[in-house]
């Protein structure tokens, strides 16, 4: 979930928050937006003013939640593989 300090616009409708759902391909380091919902109020409150999705795989953006999850998941997989060799 993202909260904006100032209203932003989606299809000419103001929104103050949005909820994003991504799919991450850990082997390629890419992500795809499954769904983005935009809300008139903060913290996904108020009426939903729009939604979108994008089925294009794009590189993980630095300093994003998706990249942080990718790094943690990759580290856990590497640790699990290393422990399995003991």
C-alpha atoms as a PDB file:
ATOM      1  CA  UNK A   1       0.000   0.000   0.000  1.00  0.00           C
ATOM      2  CA  UNK A   2       1.204   3.474  -0.837  1.00  0.00           C
ATOM      3  CA  UNK A   3      -0.048   6.715   0.705  1.00  0.00           C
ATOM      4  CA  UNK A   4       0.442  10.009  -1.103  1.00  0.00           C
ATOM      5  CA  UNK A   5       1.009  13.282   0.738  1.00  0.00           C
ATOM      6  CA  UNK A   6      -0.692  15.186  -2.083  1.00  0.00           C
ATOM      7  CA  UNK A   7      -3.437  13.900  -4.374  1.00  0.00           C
ATOM      8  CA  UNK A   8      -2.275  12.205  -7.559  1.00  0.00           C
ATOM      9  CA  UNK A   9      -4.463  11.390 -10.541  1.00  0.00           C
ATOM     10  CA  UNK A  10      -5.495   8.221 -12.327  1.00  0.00           C
ATOM     11  CA  UNK A  11      -7.726   8.709 -15.384  1.00  0.00           C
ATOM     12  CA  UNK A  12      -8.435  12.284 -14.247  1.00  0.00           C
ATOM     13  CA  UNK A  13      -9.624  11.090 -10.800  1.00  0.00           C
ATOM     14  CA  UNK A  14      -7.750  12.156  -7.658  1.00  0.00           C
ATOM     15  CA  UNK A  15      -6.436   9.481  -5.315  1.00  0.00           C
ATOM     16  CA  UNK A  16      -4.542   9.558  -2.011  1.00  0.00           C
ATOM     17  CA  UNK A  17      -3.591   5.880  -1.727  1.00  0.00           C
ATOM     18  CA  UNK A  18      -3.084   2.766  -3.793  1.00  0.00           C
ATOM     19  CA  UNK A  19      -2.626  -0.949  -3.260  1.00  0.00           C
ATOM     20  CA  UNK A  20      -0.291  -2.787  -5.631  1.00  0.00           C
ATOM     21  CA  UNK A  21       0.045  -6.534  -6.189  1.00  0.00           C
ATOM     22  CA  UNK A  22       3.105  -7.777  -8.077  1.00  0.00           C
ATOM     23  CA  UNK A  23       4.409 -11.081  -9.320  1.00  0.00           C
ATOM     24  CA  UNK A  24       8.197 -11.452  -9.123  1.00  0.00           C
ATOM     25  CA  UNK A  25      10.346 -13.781 -11.229  1.00  0.00           C
ATOM     26  CA  UNK A  26      13.280 -14.405  -8.903  1.00  0.00           C
ATOM     27  CA  UNK A  27      15.341 -16.219 -11.531  1.00  0.00           C
ATOM     28  CA  UNK A  28      15.194 -13.231 -13.900  1.00  0.00           C
ATOM     29  CA  UNK A  29      15.011 -10.390 -11.342  1.00  0.00           C
ATOM     30  CA  UNK A  30      11.860  -9.018 -12.970  1.00  0.00           C
ATOM     31  CA  UNK A  31       8.351  -8.074 -11.861  1.00  0.00           C
ATOM     32  CA  UNK A  32       4.898  -7.739 -13.371  1.00  0.00           C
ATOM     33  CA  UNK A  33       2.034  -5.692 -11.955  1.00  0.00           C
ATOM     34  CA  UNK A  34      -0.955  -7.966 -11.405  1.00  0.00           C
ATOM     35  CA  UNK A  35      -3.211  -5.266 -10.025  1.00  0.00           C
ATOM     36  CA  UNK A  36      -3.155  -1.679  -8.809  1.00  0.00           C
ATOM     37  CA  UNK A  37      -6.202  -0.225  -7.052  1.00  0.00           C
ATOM     38  CA  UNK A  38      -6.471   3.513  -6.422  1.00  0.00           C
ATOM     39  CA  UNK A  39      -8.511   4.978  -3.527  1.00  0.00           C
ATOM     40  CA  UNK A  40      -9.819   8.470  -2.842  1.00  0.00           C
ATOM     41  CA  UNK A  41      -8.801   8.386   0.837  1.00  0.00           C
ATOM     42  CA  UNK A  42      -5.611   7.539   2.726  1.00  0.00           C
ATOM     43  CA  UNK A  43      -4.676   3.941   3.633  1.00  0.00           C
ATOM     44  CA  UNK A  44      -6.960   2.425   0.940  1.00  0.00           C
ATOM     45  CA  UNK A  45     -10.107   4.062   2.326  1.00  0.00           C
ATOM     46  CA  UNK A  46     -12.932   5.790   0.562  1.00  0.00           C
ATOM     47  CA  UNK A  47     -14.222   4.878  -2.858  1.00  0.00           C
ATOM     48  CA  UNK A  48     -11.991   3.076  -5.306  1.00  0.00           C
ATOM     49  CA  UNK A  49     -11.417   5.535  -8.137  1.00  0.00           C
ATOM     50  CA  UNK A  50      -9.788   3.113 -10.568  1.00  0.00           C
ATOM     51  CA  UNK A  51      -7.615   0.095 -11.151  1.00  0.00           C
ATOM     52  CA  UNK A  52      -5.057  -1.126 -13.639  1.00  0.00           C
ATOM     53  CA  UNK A  53      -2.717  -3.986 -14.423  1.00  0.00           C
ATOM     54  CA  UNK A  54       0.292  -4.410 -16.669  1.00  0.00           C
ATOM     55  CA  UNK A  55       1.261  -7.809 -18.011  1.00  0.00           C
ATOM     56  CA  UNK A  56       4.733  -6.684 -19.099  1.00  0.00           C
ATOM     57  CA  UNK A  57       7.731  -8.072 -17.212  1.00  0.00           C
ATOM     58  CA  UNK A  58      10.112  -5.276 -16.210  1.00  0.00           C
ATOM     59  CA  UNK A  59      13.356  -5.241 -14.177  1.00  0.00           C
ATOM     60  CA  UNK A  60      12.941  -4.844 -10.409  1.00  0.00           C
ATOM     61  CA  UNK A  61      13.289  -1.179  -9.532  1.00  0.00           C
ATOM     62  CA  UNK A  62      15.929  -0.294  -6.913  1.00  0.00           C
ATOM     63  CA  UNK A  63      14.739   0.685  -3.426  1.00  0.00           C
ATOM     64  CA  UNK A  64      11.229  -0.753  -3.863  1.00  0.00           C
ATOM     65  CA  UNK A  65       9.268  -3.230  -1.776  1.00  0.00           C
ATOM     66  CA  UNK A  66       9.432  -5.740  -4.630  1.00  0.00           C
ATOM     67  CA  UNK A  67      13.233  -5.569  -4.687  1.00  0.00           C
ATOM     68  CA  UNK A  68      13.426  -5.959  -0.891  1.00  0.00           C
ATOM     69  CA  UNK A  69      11.220  -9.063  -1.020  1.00  0.00           C
ATOM     70  CA  UNK A  70      13.321 -10.422  -3.870  1.00  0.00           C
ATOM     71  CA  UNK A  71      16.544  -9.960  -1.865  1.00  0.00           C
ATOM     72  CA  UNK A  72      15.118 -11.637   1.262  1.00  0.00           C
ATOM     73  CA  UNK A  73      13.673 -14.532  -0.745  1.00  0.00           C
ATOM     74  CA  UNK A  74      16.940 -15.036  -2.626  1.00  0.00           C
ATOM     75  CA  UNK A  75      18.950 -14.944   0.617  1.00  0.00           C
ATOM     76  CA  UNK A  76      16.622 -17.506   2.210  1.00  0.00           C
ATOM     77  CA  UNK A  77      16.940 -19.807  -0.815  1.00  0.00           C
ATOM     78  CA  UNK A  78      20.746 -19.547  -0.750  1.00  0.00           C
ATOM     79  CA  UNK A  79      20.838 -20.242   2.998  1.00  0.00           C
ATOM     80  CA  UNK A  80      18.545 -23.246   2.603  1.00  0.00           C
ATOM     81  CA  UNK A  81      20.729 -24.629  -0.212  1.00  0.00           C
ATOM     82  CA  UNK A  82      23.900 -24.108   1.832  1.00  0.00           C
ATOM     83  CA  UNK A  83      22.413 -25.817   4.906  1.00  0.00           C
ATOM     84  CA  UNK A  84      21.218 -28.754   2.827  1.00  0.00           C
ATOM     85  CA  UNK A  85      24.839 -29.525   1.877  1.00  0.00           C
ATOM     86  CA  UNK A  86      25.900 -30.025   5.540  1.00  0.00           C
END
